[in-house]
Amino acid sequence: MDSLVKHVVASLIFTGIGIAVFGVAFLIIRAITPFSLRKELEEDQNTSVGIVIGSVILGLSIIIAAAIHGS
């Protein structure tokens, strides 16, 4: 039972770190783009912007998963 609690706590910690990294990455993307992401996605329905943001999220997911697996 003690081992289960340790694994659950570790999972929650890594989840929090992952969500924080995703938030920071999105803020960085929003800051460096010369246009409004909200306008491009919602109003103009620009699929290309959605694909780029999705690619960044997938890339970060792979990096975070590798970091968790390696620890």
PDB file of N, CA and C in Angstrom:
ATOM      1  N   MET A   1       0.825  -1.199   0.000  1.00  0.00           N
ATOM      2  CA  MET A   1       0.000   0.000   0.000  1.00  0.00           C
ATOM      3  C   MET A   1       0.871   1.266   0.000  1.00  0.00           C
ATOM      4  N   ASP A   2       1.992   1.205   0.704  1.00  0.00           N
ATOM      5  CA  ASP A   2       2.889   2.361   0.778  1.00  0.00           C
ATOM      6  C   ASP A   2       3.469   2.690  -0.596  1.00  0.00           C
ATOM      7  N   SER A   3       3.775   1.665  -1.365  1.00  0.00           N
ATOM      8  CA  SER A   3       4.318   1.865  -2.705  1.00  0.00           C
ATOM      9  C   SER A   3       3.279   2.507  -3.628  1.00  0.00           C
ATOM     10  N   LEU A   4       2.022   2.101  -3.473  1.00  0.00           N
ATOM     11  CA  LEU A   4       0.947   2.673  -4.283  1.00  0.00           C
ATOM     12  C   LEU A   4       0.808   4.165  -4.016  1.00  0.00           C
ATOM     13  N   VAL A   5       0.872   4.553  -2.766  1.00  0.00           N
ATOM     14  CA  VAL A   5       0.749   5.969  -2.404  1.00  0.00           C
ATOM     15  C   VAL A   5       1.905   6.765  -3.005  1.00  0.00           C
ATOM     16  N   LYS A   6       3.106   6.221  -2.956  1.00  0.00           N
ATOM     17  CA  LYS A   6       4.267   6.909  -3.532  1.00  0.00           C
ATOM     18  C   LYS A   6       4.090   7.114  -5.035  1.00  0.00           C
ATOM     19  N   HIS A   7       3.584   6.100  -5.719  1.00  0.00           N
ATOM     20  CA  HIS A   7       3.388   6.209  -7.165  1.00  0.00           C
ATOM     21  C   HIS A   7       2.289   7.206  -7.513  1.00  0.00           C
ATOM     22  N   VAL A   8       1.233   7.223  -6.728  1.00  0.00           N
ATOM     23  CA  VAL A   8       0.145   8.178  -6.967  1.00  0.00           C
ATOM     24  C   VAL A   8       0.642   9.607  -6.745  1.00  0.00           C
ATOM     25  N   VAL A   9       1.392   9.819  -5.687  1.00  0.00           N
ATOM     26  CA  VAL A   9       1.934  11.157  -5.401  1.00  0.00           C
ATOM     27  C   VAL A   9       2.890  11.585  -6.509  1.00  0.00           C
ATOM     28  N   ALA A  10       3.738  10.673  -6.957  1.00  0.00           N
ATOM     29  CA  ALA A  10       4.672  10.999  -8.046  1.00  0.00           C
ATOM     30  C   ALA A  10       3.907  11.347  -9.314  1.00  0.00           C
ATOM     31  N   SER A  11       2.847  10.595  -9.602  1.00  0.00           N
ATOM     32  CA  SER A  11       2.031  10.890 -10.789  1.00  0.00           C
ATOM     33  C   SER A  11       1.389  12.259 -10.697  1.00  0.00           C
ATOM     34  N   LEU A  12       0.887  12.609  -9.527  1.00  0.00           N
ATOM     35  CA  LEU A  12       0.260  13.923  -9.346  1.00  0.00           C
ATOM     36  C   LEU A  12       1.278  15.051  -9.486  1.00  0.00           C
ATOM     37  N   ILE A  13       2.471  14.836  -8.973  1.00  0.00           N
ATOM     38  CA  ILE A  13       3.518  15.859  -9.092  1.00  0.00           C
ATOM     39  C   ILE A  13       3.904  16.059 -10.560  1.00  0.00           C
ATOM     40  N   PHE A  14       4.118  14.949 -11.283  1.00  0.00           N
ATOM     41  CA  PHE A  14       4.482  15.066 -12.691  1.00  0.00           C
ATOM     42  C   PHE A  14       3.341  15.660 -13.518  1.00  0.00           C
ATOM     43  N   THR A  15       2.104  15.361 -13.149  1.00  0.00           N
ATOM     44  CA  THR A  15       0.960  15.957 -13.837  1.00  0.00           C
ATOM     45  C   THR A  15       0.958  17.470 -13.655  1.00  0.00           C
ATOM     46  N   GLY A  16       1.179  17.914 -12.435  1.00  0.00           N
ATOM     47  CA  GLY A  16       1.230  19.356 -12.165  1.00  0.00           C
ATOM     48  C   GLY A  16       2.348  20.044 -12.925  1.00  0.00           C
ATOM     49  N   ILE A  17       3.516  19.412 -12.937  1.00  0.00           N
ATOM     50  CA  ILE A  17       4.647  19.983 -13.670  1.00  0.00           C
ATOM     51  C   ILE A  17       4.337  20.039 -15.161  1.00  0.00           C
ATOM     52  N   GLY A  18       3.745  18.978 -15.696  1.00  0.00           N
ATOM     53  CA  GLY A  18       3.405  18.945 -17.120  1.00  0.00           C
ATOM     54  C   GLY A  18       2.410  20.022 -17.503  1.00  0.00           C
ATOM     55  N   ILE A  19       1.378  20.209 -16.683  1.00  0.00           N
ATOM     56  CA  ILE A  19       0.387  21.248 -16.967  1.00  0.00           C
ATOM     57  C   ILE A  19       1.022  22.632 -16.893  1.00  0.00           C
ATOM     58  N   ALA A  20       1.911  22.831 -15.926  1.00  0.00           N
ATOM     59  CA  ALA A  20       2.596  24.118 -15.813  1.00  0.00           C
ATOM     60  C   ALA A  20       3.471  24.383 -17.038  1.00  0.00           C
ATOM     61  N   VAL A  21       4.181  23.363 -17.512  1.00  0.00           N
ATOM     62  CA  VAL A  21       5.029  23.519 -18.697  1.00  0.00           C
ATOM     63  C   VAL A  21       4.178  23.841 -19.922  1.00  0.00           C
ATOM     64  N   PHE A  22       3.019  23.159 -20.063  1.00  0.00           N
ATOM     65  CA  PHE A  22       2.123  23.456 -21.181  1.00  0.00           C
ATOM     66  C   PHE A  22       1.631  24.900 -21.109  1.00  0.00           C
ATOM     67  N   GLY A  23       1.294  25.367 -19.922  1.00  0.00           N
ATOM     68  CA  GLY A  23       0.827  26.750 -19.766  1.00  0.00           C
ATOM     69  C   GLY A  23       1.893  27.757 -20.154  1.00  0.00           C
ATOM     70  N   VAL A  24       3.106  27.521 -19.690  1.00  0.00           N
ATOM     71  CA  VAL A  24       4.210  28.426 -20.017  1.00  0.00           C
ATOM     72  C   VAL A  24       4.494  28.400 -21.521  1.00  0.00           C
ATOM     73  N   ALA A  25       4.471  27.211 -22.117  1.00  0.00           N
ATOM     74  CA  ALA A  25       4.720  27.102 -23.557  1.00  0.00           C
ATOM     75  C   ALA A  25       3.657  27.850 -24.349  1.00  0.00           C
ATOM     76  N   PHE A  26       2.404  27.737 -23.938  1.00  0.00           N
ATOM     77  CA  PHE A  26       1.341  28.450 -24.645  1.00  0.00           C
ATOM     78  C   PHE A  26       1.507  29.956 -24.505  1.00  0.00           C
ATOM     79  N   LEU A  27       1.885  30.419 -23.317  1.00  0.00           N
ATOM     80  CA  LEU A  27       2.118  31.858 -23.128  1.00  0.00           C
ATOM     81  C   LEU A  27       3.277  32.350 -23.985  1.00  0.00           C
ATOM     82  N   ILE A  28       4.317  31.535 -24.129  1.00  0.00           N
ATOM     83  CA  ILE A  28       5.448  31.916 -24.972  1.00  0.00           C
ATOM     84  C   ILE A  28       5.015  31.979 -26.433  1.00  0.00           C
ATOM     85  N   ILE A  29       4.257  30.983 -26.882  1.00  0.00           N
ATOM     86  CA  ILE A  29       3.768  31.001 -28.265  1.00  0.00           C
ATOM     87  C   ILE A  29       2.905  32.230 -28.494  1.00  0.00           C
ATOM     88  N   ARG A  30       2.035  32.524 -27.543  1.00  0.00           N
ATOM     89  CA  ARG A  30       1.156  33.690 -27.668  1.00  0.00           C
ATOM     90  C   ARG A  30       1.946  34.987 -27.712  1.00  0.00           C
ATOM     91  N   ALA A  31       3.049  35.052 -26.976  1.00  0.00           N
ATOM     92  CA  ALA A  31       3.845  36.271 -26.922  1.00  0.00           C
ATOM     93  C   ALA A  31       4.667  36.487 -28.197  1.00  0.00           C
ATOM     94  N   ILE A  32       5.127  35.409 -28.823  1.00  0.00           N
ATOM     95  CA  ILE A  32       6.015  35.587 -29.975  1.00  0.00           C
ATOM     96  C   ILE A  32       5.277  35.643 -31.308  1.00  0.00           C
ATOM     97  N   THR A  33       4.009  35.281 -31.332  1.00  0.00           N
ATOM     98  CA  THR A  33       3.276  35.362 -32.597  1.00  0.00           C
ATOM     99  C   THR A  33       2.834  36.801 -32.847  1.00  0.00           C
ATOM    100  N   PRO A  34       2.942  37.257 -34.078  1.00  0.00           N
ATOM    101  CA  PRO A  34       2.595  38.645 -34.384  1.00  0.00           C
ATOM    102  C   PRO A  34       1.095  38.862 -34.602  1.00  0.00           C
ATOM    103  N   PHE A  35       0.282  37.861 -34.316  1.00  0.00           N
ATOM    104  CA  PHE A  35      -1.160  37.977 -34.527  1.00  0.00           C
ATOM    105  C   PHE A  35      -1.891  37.375 -33.332  1.00  0.00           C
ATOM    106  N   SER A  36      -3.180  37.589 -33.264  1.00  0.00           N
ATOM    107  CA  SER A  36      -3.986  37.067 -32.175  1.00  0.00           C
ATOM    108  C   SER A  36      -4.349  35.608 -32.453  1.00  0.00           C
ATOM    109  N   LEU A  37      -3.915  34.722 -31.566  1.00  0.00           N
ATOM    110  CA  LEU A  37      -4.240  33.312 -31.733  1.00  0.00           C
ATOM    111  C   LEU A  37      -5.746  33.073 -31.623  1.00  0.00           C
ATOM    112  N   ARG A  38      -6.386  33.754 -30.700  1.00  0.00           N
ATOM    113  CA  ARG A  38      -7.822  33.588 -30.509  1.00  0.00           C
ATOM    114  C   ARG A  38      -8.583  33.967 -31.770  1.00  0.00           C
ATOM    115  N   LYS A  39      -8.207  35.106 -32.366  1.00  0.00           N
ATOM    116  CA  LYS A  39      -8.884  35.553 -33.576  1.00  0.00           C
ATOM    117  C   LYS A  39      -8.657  34.570 -34.717  1.00  0.00           C
ATOM    118  N   GLU A  40      -7.423  34.121 -34.874  1.00  0.00           N
ATOM    119  CA  GLU A  40      -7.109  33.201 -35.964  1.00  0.00           C
ATOM    120  C   GLU A  40      -7.843  31.869 -35.815  1.00  0.00           C
ATOM    121  N   LEU A  41      -7.935  31.369 -34.592  1.00  0.00           N
ATOM    122  CA  LEU A  41      -8.569  30.069 -34.386  1.00  0.00           C
ATOM    123  C   LEU A  41     -10.093  30.153 -34.395  1.00  0.00           C
ATOM    124  N   GLU A  42     -10.650  31.119 -33.660  1.00  0.00           N
ATOM    125  CA  GLU A  42     -12.096  31.184 -33.499  1.00  0.00           C
ATOM    126  C   GLU A  42     -12.799  31.894 -34.644  1.00  0.00           C
ATOM    127  N   GLU A  43     -12.346  33.074 -34.979  1.00  0.00           N
ATOM    128  CA  GLU A  43     -13.057  33.867 -35.974  1.00  0.00           C
ATOM    129  C   GLU A  43     -12.693  33.468 -37.408  1.00  0.00           C
ATOM    130  N   ASP A  44     -11.394  33.368 -37.681  1.00  0.00           N
ATOM    131  CA  ASP A  44     -10.953  33.061 -39.045  1.00  0.00           C
ATOM    132  C   ASP A  44     -10.903  31.554 -39.319  1.00  0.00           C
ATOM    133  N   GLN A  45     -10.997  30.737 -38.273  1.00  0.00           N
ATOM    134  CA  GLN A  45     -10.936  29.278 -38.361  1.00  0.00           C
ATOM    135  C   GLN A  45      -9.719  28.826 -39.170  1.00  0.00           C
ATOM    136  N   ASN A  46      -8.571  29.353 -38.797  1.00  0.00           N
ATOM    137  CA  ASN A  46      -7.309  29.054 -39.468  1.00  0.00           C
ATOM    138  C   ASN A  46      -6.795  27.691 -38.996  1.00  0.00           C
ATOM    139  N   THR A  47      -6.903  26.697 -39.842  1.00  0.00           N
ATOM    140  CA  THR A  47      -6.500  25.336 -39.499  1.00  0.00           C
ATOM    141  C   THR A  47      -4.996  25.233 -39.285  1.00  0.00           C
ATOM    142  N   SER A  48      -4.236  25.994 -40.025  1.00  0.00           N
ATOM    143  CA  SER A  48      -2.774  25.941 -39.914  1.00  0.00           C
ATOM    144  C   SER A  48      -2.303  26.321 -38.515  1.00  0.00           C
ATOM    145  N   VAL A  49      -2.905  27.322 -37.917  1.00  0.00           N
ATOM    146  CA  VAL A  49      -2.526  27.730 -36.565  1.00  0.00           C
ATOM    147  C   VAL A  49      -2.857  26.615 -35.576  1.00  0.00           C
ATOM    148  N   GLY A  50      -3.983  25.972 -35.762  1.00  0.00           N
ATOM    149  CA  GLY A  50      -4.350  24.856 -34.895  1.00  0.00           C
ATOM    150  C   GLY A  50      -3.369  23.703 -35.007  1.00  0.00           C
ATOM    151  N   ILE A  51      -2.908  23.442 -36.215  1.00  0.00           N
ATOM    152  CA  ILE A  51      -1.938  22.365 -36.427  1.00  0.00           C
ATOM    153  C   ILE A  51      -0.608  22.705 -35.753  1.00  0.00           C
ATOM    154  N   VAL A  52      -0.173  23.950 -35.854  1.00  0.00           N
ATOM    155  CA  VAL A  52       1.093  24.357 -35.229  1.00  0.00           C
ATOM    156  C   VAL A  52       1.000  24.246 -33.709  1.00  0.00           C
ATOM    157  N   ILE A  53      -0.081  24.721 -33.122  1.00  0.00           N
ATOM    158  CA  ILE A  53      -0.241  24.644 -31.668  1.00  0.00           C
ATOM    159  C   ILE A  53      -0.331  23.183 -31.227  1.00  0.00           C
ATOM    160  N   GLY A  54      -1.050  22.363 -31.979  1.00  0.00           N
ATOM    161  CA  GLY A  54      -1.128  20.942 -31.663  1.00  0.00           C
ATOM    162  C   GLY A  54       0.223  20.261 -31.751  1.00  0.00           C
ATOM    163  N   SER A  55       1.030  20.653 -32.716  1.00  0.00           N
ATOM    164  CA  SER A  55       2.371  20.085 -32.854  1.00  0.00           C
ATOM    165  C   SER A  55       3.261  20.450 -31.673  1.00  0.00           C
ATOM    166  N   VAL A  56       3.144  21.674 -31.208  1.00  0.00           N
ATOM    167  CA  VAL A  56       3.927  22.088 -30.037  1.00  0.00           C
ATOM    168  C   VAL A  56       3.501  21.283 -28.815  1.00  0.00           C
ATOM    169  N   ILE A  57       2.205  21.088 -28.650  1.00  0.00           N
ATOM    170  CA  ILE A  57       1.707  20.317 -27.505  1.00  0.00           C
ATOM    171  C   ILE A  57       2.184  18.869 -27.588  1.00  0.00           C
ATOM    172  N   LEU A  58       2.137  18.268 -28.765  1.00  0.00           N
ATOM    173  CA  LEU A  58       2.626  16.896 -28.915  1.00  0.00           C
ATOM    174  C   LEU A  58       4.124  16.794 -28.646  1.00  0.00           C
ATOM    175  N   GLY A  59       4.881  17.762 -29.138  1.00  0.00           N
ATOM    176  CA  GLY A  59       6.316  17.765 -28.885  1.00  0.00           C
ATOM    177  C   GLY A  59       6.641  17.871 -27.408  1.00  0.00           C
ATOM    178  N   LEU A  60       5.939  18.752 -26.707  1.00  0.00           N
ATOM    179  CA  LEU A  60       6.142  18.876 -25.267  1.00  0.00           C
ATOM    180  C   LEU A  60       5.732  17.600 -24.541  1.00  0.00           C
ATOM    181  N   SER A  61       4.671  16.971 -24.998  1.00  0.00           N
ATOM    182  CA  SER A  61       4.221  15.720 -24.382  1.00  0.00           C
ATOM    183  C   SER A  61       5.300  14.642 -24.486  1.00  0.00           C
ATOM    184  N   ILE A  62       5.920  14.555 -25.651  1.00  0.00           N
ATOM    185  CA  ILE A  62       6.967  13.558 -25.845  1.00  0.00           C
ATOM    186  C   ILE A  62       8.165  13.843 -24.938  1.00  0.00           C
ATOM    187  N   ILE A  63       8.534  15.108 -24.830  1.00  0.00           N
ATOM    188  CA  ILE A  63       9.668  15.486 -23.981  1.00  0.00           C
ATOM    189  C   ILE A  63       9.364  15.202 -22.513  1.00  0.00           C
ATOM    190  N   ILE A  64       8.178  15.567 -22.048  1.00  0.00           N
ATOM    191  CA  ILE A  64       7.804  15.340 -20.653  1.00  0.00           C
ATOM    192  C   ILE A  64       7.724  13.845 -20.363  1.00  0.00           C
ATOM    193  N   ALA A  65       7.140  13.064 -21.300  1.00  0.00           N
ATOM    194  CA  ALA A  65       7.049  11.618 -21.083  1.00  0.00           C
ATOM    195  C   ALA A  65       8.434  10.986 -21.010  1.00  0.00           C
ATOM    196  N   ALA A  66       9.353  11.439 -21.844  1.00  0.00           N
ATOM    197  CA  ALA A  66      10.717  10.907 -21.802  1.00  0.00           C
ATOM    198  C   ALA A  66      11.404  11.271 -20.478  1.00  0.00           C
ATOM    199  N   ALA A  67      11.150  12.464 -19.989  1.00  0.00           N
ATOM    200  CA  ALA A  67      11.743  12.882 -18.715  1.00  0.00           C
ATOM    201  C   ALA A  67      11.182  12.058 -17.559  1.00  0.00           C
ATOM    202  N   ILE A  68       9.895  11.787 -17.584  1.00  0.00           N
ATOM    203  CA  ILE A  68       9.279  10.982 -16.529  1.00  0.00           C
ATOM    204  C   ILE A  68       9.779   9.551 -16.603  1.00  0.00           C
ATOM    205  N   HIS A  69       9.846   9.004 -17.792  1.00  0.00           N
ATOM    206  CA  HIS A  69      10.285   7.615 -17.966  1.00  0.00           C
ATOM    207  C   HIS A  69      11.746   7.448 -17.574  1.00  0.00           C
ATOM    208  N   GLY A  70      12.552   8.453 -17.816  1.00  0.00           N
ATOM    209  CA  GLY A  70      13.974   8.371 -17.498  1.00  0.00           C
ATOM    210  C   GLY A  70      14.287   8.539 -16.025  1.00  0.00           C
ATOM    211  N   SER A  71      13.316   9.065 -15.267  1.00  0.00           N
ATOM    212  CA  SER A  71      13.623   9.303 -13.845  1.00  0.00           C
ATOM    213  C   SER A  71      13.417   8.079 -12.990  1.00  0.00           C
TER     214      SER A  71
END
